[in-house]
Amino acid sequence: QEPPPNYSQDMLPDTNFTCNDKATGGYYADPEASCQMFHVCVRVSDEEIRDFRFVCPNNTVFDQQNFICTNWWEIDCKRSTRYYSKNDLFREAETTTEAVYEYEKPLSYYEYMYDEYSDTQSRNRPDYGLDYYDQDGRQRYERARSRQ
């Protein structure tokens, strides 16, 4: 086992790595680059998954088992592909996220609070023209209500 060649982010090697059949959001060591380079497969649109390439700092390599850059002598780079399946955890999360996105997306906190505020306005309560999320405005609103 030898130290990595210490690539720079500006001069990454071309390898045969592809994101085909890889988990979106997964991290993958690249044995062709002595594991100093690793890939993250990111969905950038409904049709496209893009390969983002990263390089570990000098004299470190990507540890596929722990998803971190570590000392080159602590791992066997050639065996890294055996641990690609650890990225299946991301694949399960991806499936769950898609299901929520397609069928029932929960309201965000602000959407929920806006709906609550809209409901109070529809009950013939006065509108003081204050932003419900503005703490100072809310305090002025409460003082104004208490004077009525």
N, C-alpha and C. Protein backbone atom coordinates (compact mmCIF):
# COMPACT_ATOMS: atom_id res chain seq x y z
N GLN A 1 0.85 -1.18 0.00
CA GLN A 1 0.00 0.00 0.00
C GLN A 1 0.89 1.24 0.00
N GLU A 2 0.51 2.19 -0.84
CA GLU A 2 1.32 3.40 -0.99
C GLU A 2 0.48 4.64 -0.70
N PRO A 3 1.13 5.76 -0.37
CA PRO A 3 0.37 6.99 -0.15
C PRO A 3 -0.30 7.45 -1.44
N PRO A 4 -1.40 8.20 -1.33
CA PRO A 4 -2.11 8.67 -2.53
C PRO A 4 -1.28 9.71 -3.27
N PRO A 5 -1.63 9.98 -4.52
CA PRO A 5 -0.86 10.93 -5.33
C PRO A 5 -1.10 12.40 -4.96
N ASN A 6 -2.01 12.68 -4.05
CA ASN A 6 -2.31 14.06 -3.62
C ASN A 6 -2.78 14.94 -4.77
N TYR A 7 -3.98 14.63 -5.25
CA TYR A 7 -4.61 15.42 -6.30
C TYR A 7 -5.04 16.77 -5.75
N SER A 8 -5.23 17.72 -6.64
CA SER A 8 -5.81 19.00 -6.24
C SER A 8 -7.22 19.08 -6.81
N GLN A 9 -8.05 19.92 -6.23
CA GLN A 9 -9.43 20.07 -6.69
C GLN A 9 -9.46 20.57 -8.14
N ASP A 10 -8.42 21.27 -8.54
CA ASP A 10 -8.36 21.80 -9.91
C ASP A 10 -7.94 20.77 -10.94
N MET A 11 -7.29 19.70 -10.49
CA MET A 11 -6.78 18.69 -11.44
C MET A 11 -7.17 17.28 -10.99
N LEU A 12 -8.46 17.02 -10.97
CA LEU A 12 -8.94 15.69 -10.60
C LEU A 12 -8.81 14.75 -11.78
N PRO A 13 -8.47 13.50 -11.53
CA PRO A 13 -8.31 12.55 -12.63
C PRO A 13 -9.67 12.13 -13.20
N ASP A 14 -9.68 11.76 -14.46
CA ASP A 14 -10.87 11.18 -15.07
C ASP A 14 -10.85 9.69 -14.79
N THR A 15 -11.96 9.18 -14.28
CA THR A 15 -12.07 7.75 -13.98
C THR A 15 -13.34 7.21 -14.60
N ASN A 16 -13.58 5.93 -14.44
CA ASN A 16 -14.77 5.29 -15.01
C ASN A 16 -15.97 5.31 -14.07
N PHE A 17 -15.90 6.03 -12.98
CA PHE A 17 -17.02 6.07 -12.03
C PHE A 17 -18.25 6.66 -12.71
N THR A 18 -19.40 6.08 -12.40
CA THR A 18 -20.67 6.59 -12.89
C THR A 18 -21.71 6.52 -11.78
N CYS A 19 -22.67 7.40 -11.81
CA CYS A 19 -23.73 7.41 -10.80
C CYS A 19 -24.88 6.45 -11.15
N ASN A 20 -24.78 5.75 -12.28
CA ASN A 20 -25.81 4.77 -12.63
C ASN A 20 -25.93 3.74 -11.52
N ASP A 21 -27.15 3.47 -11.10
CA ASP A 21 -27.45 2.49 -10.06
C ASP A 21 -26.86 2.85 -8.70
N LYS A 22 -26.53 4.10 -8.48
CA LYS A 22 -26.02 4.54 -7.18
C LYS A 22 -27.12 5.30 -6.45
N ALA A 23 -27.03 5.33 -5.13
CA ALA A 23 -28.02 6.03 -4.32
C ALA A 23 -27.83 7.54 -4.44
N THR A 24 -28.93 8.25 -4.64
CA THR A 24 -28.87 9.70 -4.66
C THR A 24 -28.47 10.19 -3.28
N GLY A 25 -27.44 11.02 -3.23
CA GLY A 25 -26.94 11.50 -1.95
C GLY A 25 -25.88 10.60 -1.35
N GLY A 26 -25.57 9.49 -2.04
CA GLY A 26 -24.57 8.56 -1.53
C GLY A 26 -23.16 9.06 -1.77
N TYR A 27 -22.24 8.60 -0.93
CA TYR A 27 -20.82 8.94 -1.02
C TYR A 27 -20.06 7.71 -1.48
N TYR A 28 -19.20 7.87 -2.50
CA TYR A 28 -18.52 6.73 -3.10
C TYR A 28 -17.03 6.99 -3.29
N ALA A 29 -16.20 6.17 -2.66
CA ALA A 29 -14.75 6.24 -2.86
C ALA A 29 -14.43 5.82 -4.29
N ASP A 30 -13.39 6.38 -4.85
CA ASP A 30 -12.98 6.03 -6.21
C ASP A 30 -11.62 5.34 -6.18
N PRO A 31 -11.62 4.00 -6.24
CA PRO A 31 -10.35 3.26 -6.21
C PRO A 31 -9.41 3.61 -7.36
N GLU A 32 -9.95 4.02 -8.51
CA GLU A 32 -9.09 4.40 -9.63
C GLU A 32 -8.27 5.66 -9.32
N ALA A 33 -8.71 6.44 -8.36
CA ALA A 33 -7.99 7.65 -7.94
C ALA A 33 -7.35 7.41 -6.57
N SER A 34 -7.05 6.16 -6.27
CA SER A 34 -6.42 5.77 -5.00
C SER A 34 -7.25 6.21 -3.79
N CYS A 35 -8.55 6.33 -3.98
CA CYS A 35 -9.52 6.71 -2.95
C CYS A 35 -9.31 8.12 -2.40
N GLN A 36 -8.40 8.87 -2.98
CA GLN A 36 -8.28 10.25 -2.52
C GLN A 36 -9.45 11.08 -3.05
N MET A 37 -10.01 10.65 -4.15
CA MET A 37 -11.19 11.31 -4.70
C MET A 37 -12.42 10.48 -4.34
N PHE A 38 -13.52 11.18 -4.05
CA PHE A 38 -14.79 10.48 -3.83
C PHE A 38 -15.88 11.25 -4.55
N HIS A 39 -17.00 10.57 -4.73
CA HIS A 39 -18.10 11.11 -5.53
C HIS A 39 -19.36 11.18 -4.67
N VAL A 40 -20.18 12.17 -4.95
CA VAL A 40 -21.52 12.27 -4.37
C VAL A 40 -22.48 12.41 -5.54
N CYS A 41 -23.44 11.50 -5.62
CA CYS A 41 -24.42 11.52 -6.71
C CYS A 41 -25.63 12.32 -6.24
N VAL A 42 -25.93 13.42 -6.93
CA VAL A 42 -26.98 14.35 -6.50
C VAL A 42 -28.01 14.49 -7.61
N ARG A 43 -29.29 14.37 -7.22
CA ARG A 43 -30.38 14.59 -8.18
C ARG A 43 -30.54 16.09 -8.35
N VAL A 44 -30.31 16.58 -9.56
CA VAL A 44 -30.44 18.01 -9.85
C VAL A 44 -31.74 18.34 -10.58
N SER A 45 -32.42 17.33 -11.09
CA SER A 45 -33.74 17.50 -11.70
C SER A 45 -34.41 16.13 -11.71
N ASP A 46 -35.64 16.08 -12.18
CA ASP A 46 -36.35 14.80 -12.23
C ASP A 46 -35.65 13.80 -13.14
N GLU A 47 -34.96 14.31 -14.15
CA GLU A 47 -34.31 13.42 -15.13
C GLU A 47 -32.82 13.25 -14.93
N GLU A 48 -32.17 14.12 -14.15
CA GLU A 48 -30.71 14.11 -14.12
C GLU A 48 -30.15 13.90 -12.71
N ILE A 49 -29.21 12.96 -12.62
CA ILE A 49 -28.41 12.78 -11.41
C ILE A 49 -26.98 13.16 -11.79
N ARG A 50 -26.41 14.10 -11.07
CA ARG A 50 -25.08 14.61 -11.40
C ARG A 50 -24.04 14.06 -10.42
N ASP A 51 -22.85 13.80 -10.95
CA ASP A 51 -21.71 13.31 -10.17
C ASP A 51 -20.88 14.51 -9.73
N PHE A 52 -20.86 14.77 -8.42
CA PHE A 52 -20.00 15.81 -7.87
C PHE A 52 -18.76 15.13 -7.29
N ARG A 53 -17.59 15.60 -7.71
CA ARG A 53 -16.34 14.97 -7.31
C ARG A 53 -15.64 15.83 -6.25
N PHE A 54 -15.09 15.17 -5.25
CA PHE A 54 -14.39 15.83 -4.16
C PHE A 54 -13.06 15.14 -3.93
N VAL A 55 -12.13 15.87 -3.35
CA VAL A 55 -10.82 15.30 -3.06
C VAL A 55 -10.54 15.45 -1.56
N CYS A 56 -9.99 14.40 -0.98
CA CYS A 56 -9.59 14.45 0.43
C CYS A 56 -8.30 15.26 0.55
N PRO A 57 -8.02 15.82 1.72
CA PRO A 57 -6.77 16.57 1.92
C PRO A 57 -5.54 15.68 1.67
N ASN A 58 -4.40 16.31 1.47
CA ASN A 58 -3.16 15.58 1.20
C ASN A 58 -2.92 14.46 2.21
N ASN A 59 -2.46 13.34 1.68
CA ASN A 59 -2.11 12.16 2.47
C ASN A 59 -3.29 11.54 3.21
N THR A 60 -4.50 11.85 2.77
CA THR A 60 -5.68 11.17 3.31
C THR A 60 -6.48 10.60 2.15
N VAL A 61 -7.32 9.63 2.46
CA VAL A 61 -8.17 8.97 1.47
C VAL A 61 -9.57 8.83 2.04
N PHE A 62 -10.53 8.55 1.15
CA PHE A 62 -11.92 8.43 1.58
C PHE A 62 -12.16 7.03 2.14
N ASP A 63 -12.65 6.98 3.36
CA ASP A 63 -12.98 5.72 4.04
C ASP A 63 -14.45 5.42 3.76
N GLN A 64 -14.71 4.46 2.89
CA GLN A 64 -16.07 4.14 2.47
C GLN A 64 -16.93 3.60 3.61
N GLN A 65 -16.33 2.96 4.58
CA GLN A 65 -17.11 2.41 5.69
C GLN A 65 -17.65 3.49 6.61
N ASN A 66 -16.91 4.58 6.78
CA ASN A 66 -17.29 5.62 7.73
C ASN A 66 -17.63 6.96 7.08
N PHE A 67 -17.52 7.04 5.75
CA PHE A 67 -17.84 8.25 4.99
C PHE A 67 -17.02 9.47 5.44
N ILE A 68 -15.73 9.26 5.69
CA ILE A 68 -14.84 10.36 6.07
C ILE A 68 -13.50 10.21 5.37
N CYS A 69 -12.73 11.28 5.33
CA CYS A 69 -11.35 11.21 4.86
C CYS A 69 -10.48 10.84 6.07
N THR A 70 -9.59 9.89 5.87
CA THR A 70 -8.75 9.41 6.97
C THR A 70 -7.34 9.16 6.46
N ASN A 71 -6.44 8.81 7.34
CA ASN A 71 -5.05 8.52 6.96
C ASN A 71 -5.02 7.38 5.95
N TRP A 72 -4.19 7.52 4.94
CA TRP A 72 -4.15 6.55 3.84
C TRP A 72 -3.77 5.16 4.30
N TRP A 73 -3.00 5.01 5.34
CA TRP A 73 -2.55 3.67 5.77
C TRP A 73 -3.60 2.94 6.61
N GLU A 74 -4.71 3.61 6.94
CA GLU A 74 -5.73 3.00 7.79
C GLU A 74 -6.78 2.20 7.01
N ILE A 75 -6.84 2.34 5.70
CA ILE A 75 -7.84 1.60 4.94
C ILE A 75 -7.20 0.90 3.74
N ASP A 76 -7.91 -0.09 3.24
CA ASP A 76 -7.49 -0.78 2.02
C ASP A 76 -8.38 -0.26 0.90
N CYS A 77 -7.86 0.65 0.13
CA CYS A 77 -8.64 1.32 -0.92
C CYS A 77 -9.25 0.33 -1.90
N LYS A 78 -8.53 -0.71 -2.24
CA LYS A 78 -9.01 -1.67 -3.25
C LYS A 78 -10.30 -2.35 -2.81
N ARG A 79 -10.55 -2.41 -1.52
CA ARG A 79 -11.77 -3.06 -1.01
C ARG A 79 -12.93 -2.08 -0.80
N SER A 80 -12.74 -0.85 -1.12
CA SER A 80 -13.76 0.17 -0.86
C SER A 80 -15.09 -0.13 -1.54
N THR A 81 -15.04 -0.67 -2.75
CA THR A 81 -16.30 -0.93 -3.47
C THR A 81 -17.16 -1.96 -2.74
N ARG A 82 -16.57 -2.77 -1.91
CA ARG A 82 -17.35 -3.74 -1.13
C ARG A 82 -18.32 -3.05 -0.18
N TYR A 83 -18.02 -1.82 0.17
CA TYR A 83 -18.84 -1.10 1.14
C TYR A 83 -19.76 -0.06 0.49
N TYR A 84 -19.87 -0.08 -0.81
CA TYR A 84 -20.81 0.83 -1.48
C TYR A 84 -22.23 0.62 -0.98
N SER A 85 -22.56 -0.58 -0.56
CA SER A 85 -23.92 -0.88 -0.11
C SER A 85 -24.31 -0.09 1.14
N LYS A 86 -23.34 0.46 1.86
CA LYS A 86 -23.69 1.30 3.01
C LYS A 86 -24.51 2.51 2.58
N ASN A 87 -24.41 2.88 1.32
CA ASN A 87 -25.19 4.00 0.80
C ASN A 87 -26.66 3.66 0.61
N ASP A 88 -27.03 2.40 0.77
CA ASP A 88 -28.44 2.02 0.65
C ASP A 88 -29.29 2.71 1.72
N LEU A 89 -28.67 3.13 2.81
CA LEU A 89 -29.41 3.91 3.81
C LEU A 89 -29.95 5.19 3.18
N PHE A 90 -29.16 5.80 2.30
CA PHE A 90 -29.62 7.00 1.60
C PHE A 90 -30.73 6.66 0.62
N ARG A 91 -30.64 5.49 0.01
CA ARG A 91 -31.63 5.08 -0.97
C ARG A 91 -33.00 4.93 -0.31
N GLU A 92 -33.05 4.36 0.90
CA GLU A 92 -34.32 4.22 1.61
C GLU A 92 -34.91 5.59 1.94
N ALA A 93 -34.06 6.51 2.38
CA ALA A 93 -34.52 7.86 2.68
C ALA A 93 -35.03 8.55 1.42
N GLU A 94 -34.37 8.30 0.30
CA GLU A 94 -34.78 8.88 -0.98
C GLU A 94 -36.18 8.42 -1.35
N THR A 95 -36.47 7.14 -1.18
CA THR A 95 -37.78 6.59 -1.50
C THR A 95 -38.85 7.22 -0.62
N THR A 96 -38.57 7.35 0.68
CA THR A 96 -39.52 7.95 1.60
C THR A 96 -39.77 9.40 1.23
N THR A 97 -38.73 10.13 0.93
CA THR A 97 -38.87 11.54 0.58
C THR A 97 -39.71 11.70 -0.68
N GLU A 98 -39.48 10.88 -1.67
CA GLU A 98 -40.25 10.97 -2.91
C GLU A 98 -41.72 10.69 -2.64
N ALA A 99 -42.02 9.72 -1.79
CA ALA A 99 -43.40 9.39 -1.50
C ALA A 99 -44.10 10.57 -0.84
N VAL A 100 -43.45 11.23 0.10
CA VAL A 100 -44.04 12.39 0.76
C VAL A 100 -44.23 13.51 -0.26
N TYR A 101 -43.26 13.72 -1.11
CA TYR A 101 -43.32 14.78 -2.10
C TYR A 101 -44.47 14.55 -3.07
N GLU A 102 -44.67 13.31 -3.49
CA GLU A 102 -45.68 13.03 -4.50
C GLU A 102 -47.09 13.04 -3.94
N TYR A 103 -47.29 12.58 -2.72
CA TYR A 103 -48.64 12.36 -2.25
C TYR A 103 -49.12 13.38 -1.21
N GLU A 104 -48.34 13.62 -0.19
CA GLU A 104 -48.83 14.50 0.86
C GLU A 104 -47.65 15.22 1.50
N LYS A 105 -47.46 16.43 1.08
CA LYS A 105 -46.36 17.23 1.63
C LYS A 105 -46.91 17.98 2.85
N PRO A 106 -46.33 17.77 4.03
CA PRO A 106 -46.83 18.48 5.21
C PRO A 106 -46.58 19.98 5.10
N LEU A 107 -47.44 20.76 5.75
CA LEU A 107 -47.28 22.20 5.74
C LEU A 107 -46.03 22.59 6.52
N SER A 108 -45.36 23.62 6.06
CA SER A 108 -44.24 24.16 6.83
C SER A 108 -44.80 24.92 8.02
N TYR A 109 -43.94 25.24 8.96
CA TYR A 109 -44.36 26.00 10.13
C TYR A 109 -45.02 27.31 9.71
N TYR A 110 -44.41 28.00 8.74
CA TYR A 110 -44.94 29.30 8.33
C TYR A 110 -46.27 29.16 7.59
N GLU A 111 -46.41 28.11 6.79
CA GLU A 111 -47.69 27.88 6.12
C GLU A 111 -48.77 27.59 7.15
N TYR A 112 -48.44 26.80 8.15
CA TYR A 112 -49.40 26.46 9.21
C TYR A 112 -49.80 27.73 9.97
N MET A 113 -48.80 28.54 10.37
CA MET A 113 -49.10 29.74 11.13
C MET A 113 -49.89 30.73 10.28
N TYR A 114 -49.60 30.82 8.99
CA TYR A 114 -50.35 31.71 8.12
C TYR A 114 -51.81 31.27 8.07
N ASP A 115 -52.04 29.96 7.96
CA ASP A 115 -53.41 29.45 7.95
C ASP A 115 -54.11 29.78 9.26
N GLU A 116 -53.40 29.62 10.39
CA GLU A 116 -54.00 29.94 11.68
C GLU A 116 -54.36 31.43 11.75
N TYR A 117 -53.46 32.29 11.26
CA TYR A 117 -53.69 33.72 11.28
C TYR A 117 -54.86 34.08 10.37
N SER A 118 -54.93 33.45 9.22
CA SER A 118 -56.02 33.71 8.29
C SER A 118 -57.35 33.32 8.91
N ASP A 119 -57.38 32.22 9.66
CA ASP A 119 -58.62 31.79 10.31
C ASP A 119 -59.09 32.83 11.32
N THR A 120 -58.16 33.41 12.09
CA THR A 120 -58.57 34.40 13.08
C THR A 120 -59.09 35.65 12.40
N GLN A 121 -58.55 36.01 11.24
CA GLN A 121 -59.00 37.20 10.52
C GLN A 121 -60.41 37.00 9.97
N SER A 122 -60.76 35.78 9.66
CA SER A 122 -62.07 35.52 9.07
C SER A 122 -63.17 35.49 10.13
N ARG A 123 -62.84 35.60 11.39
CA ARG A 123 -63.84 35.57 12.47
C ARG A 123 -64.23 36.98 12.91
N ASN A 124 -64.19 37.92 12.00
CA ASN A 124 -64.58 39.31 12.28
C ASN A 124 -63.73 39.95 13.37
N ARG A 125 -62.49 39.56 13.45
CA ARG A 125 -61.59 40.23 14.39
C ARG A 125 -60.92 41.37 13.65
N PRO A 126 -60.58 42.44 14.38
CA PRO A 126 -59.97 43.59 13.70
C PRO A 126 -58.60 43.24 13.14
N ASP A 127 -58.30 43.85 12.01
CA ASP A 127 -57.00 43.67 11.38
C ASP A 127 -56.19 44.93 11.63
N TYR A 128 -55.12 44.79 12.40
CA TYR A 128 -54.28 45.93 12.72
C TYR A 128 -53.15 46.11 11.72
N GLY A 129 -53.13 45.32 10.68
CA GLY A 129 -52.12 45.47 9.64
C GLY A 129 -50.73 45.10 10.09
N LEU A 130 -50.62 44.22 11.06
CA LEU A 130 -49.31 43.84 11.59
C LEU A 130 -48.92 42.46 11.09
N ASP A 131 -47.66 42.28 10.91
CA ASP A 131 -47.13 40.98 10.48
C ASP A 131 -47.20 40.02 11.66
N TYR A 132 -47.91 38.92 11.49
CA TYR A 132 -48.10 37.95 12.57
C TYR A 132 -46.77 37.39 13.07
N TYR A 133 -45.78 37.30 12.20
CA TYR A 133 -44.50 36.70 12.57
C TYR A 133 -43.55 37.70 13.22
N ASP A 134 -43.87 38.98 13.15
CA ASP A 134 -43.02 40.02 13.70
C ASP A 134 -43.30 40.13 15.20
N GLN A 135 -42.31 39.83 16.04
CA GLN A 135 -42.52 39.81 17.48
C GLN A 135 -42.94 41.18 18.00
N ASP A 136 -42.26 42.25 17.54
CA ASP A 136 -42.64 43.60 17.98
C ASP A 136 -44.06 43.91 17.54
N GLY A 137 -44.38 43.56 16.31
CA GLY A 137 -45.72 43.78 15.82
C GLY A 137 -46.75 43.01 16.62
N ARG A 138 -46.41 41.79 16.99
CA ARG A 138 -47.33 40.98 17.79
C ARG A 138 -47.56 41.62 19.16
N GLN A 139 -46.51 42.15 19.77
CA GLN A 139 -46.67 42.81 21.07
C GLN A 139 -47.55 44.05 20.93
N ARG A 140 -47.35 44.84 19.88
CA ARG A 140 -48.21 46.01 19.64
C ARG A 140 -49.65 45.56 19.41
N TYR A 141 -49.81 44.47 18.70
CA TYR A 141 -51.14 43.91 18.44
C TYR A 141 -51.82 43.53 19.75
N GLU A 142 -51.10 42.85 20.63
CA GLU A 142 -51.68 42.43 21.91
C GLU A 142 -52.03 43.64 22.77
N ARG A 143 -51.17 44.67 22.80
CA ARG A 143 -51.46 45.88 23.58
C ARG A 143 -52.71 46.58 23.02
N ALA A 144 -52.80 46.65 21.71
CA ALA A 144 -53.96 47.29 21.09
C ALA A 144 -55.24 46.53 21.41
N ARG A 145 -55.18 45.24 21.40
CA ARG A 145 -56.36 44.43 21.72
C ARG A 145 -56.77 44.61 23.17
N SER A 146 -55.80 44.74 24.07
CA SER A 146 -56.12 44.84 25.50
C SER A 146 -56.77 46.19 25.83
N ARG A 147 -56.57 47.21 24.99
CA ARG A 147 -57.16 48.54 25.22
C ARG A 147 -58.62 48.59 24.78
N GLN A 148 -59.08 47.64 24.03
CA GLN A 148 -60.45 47.69 23.50
C GLN A 148 -61.47 47.33 24.54
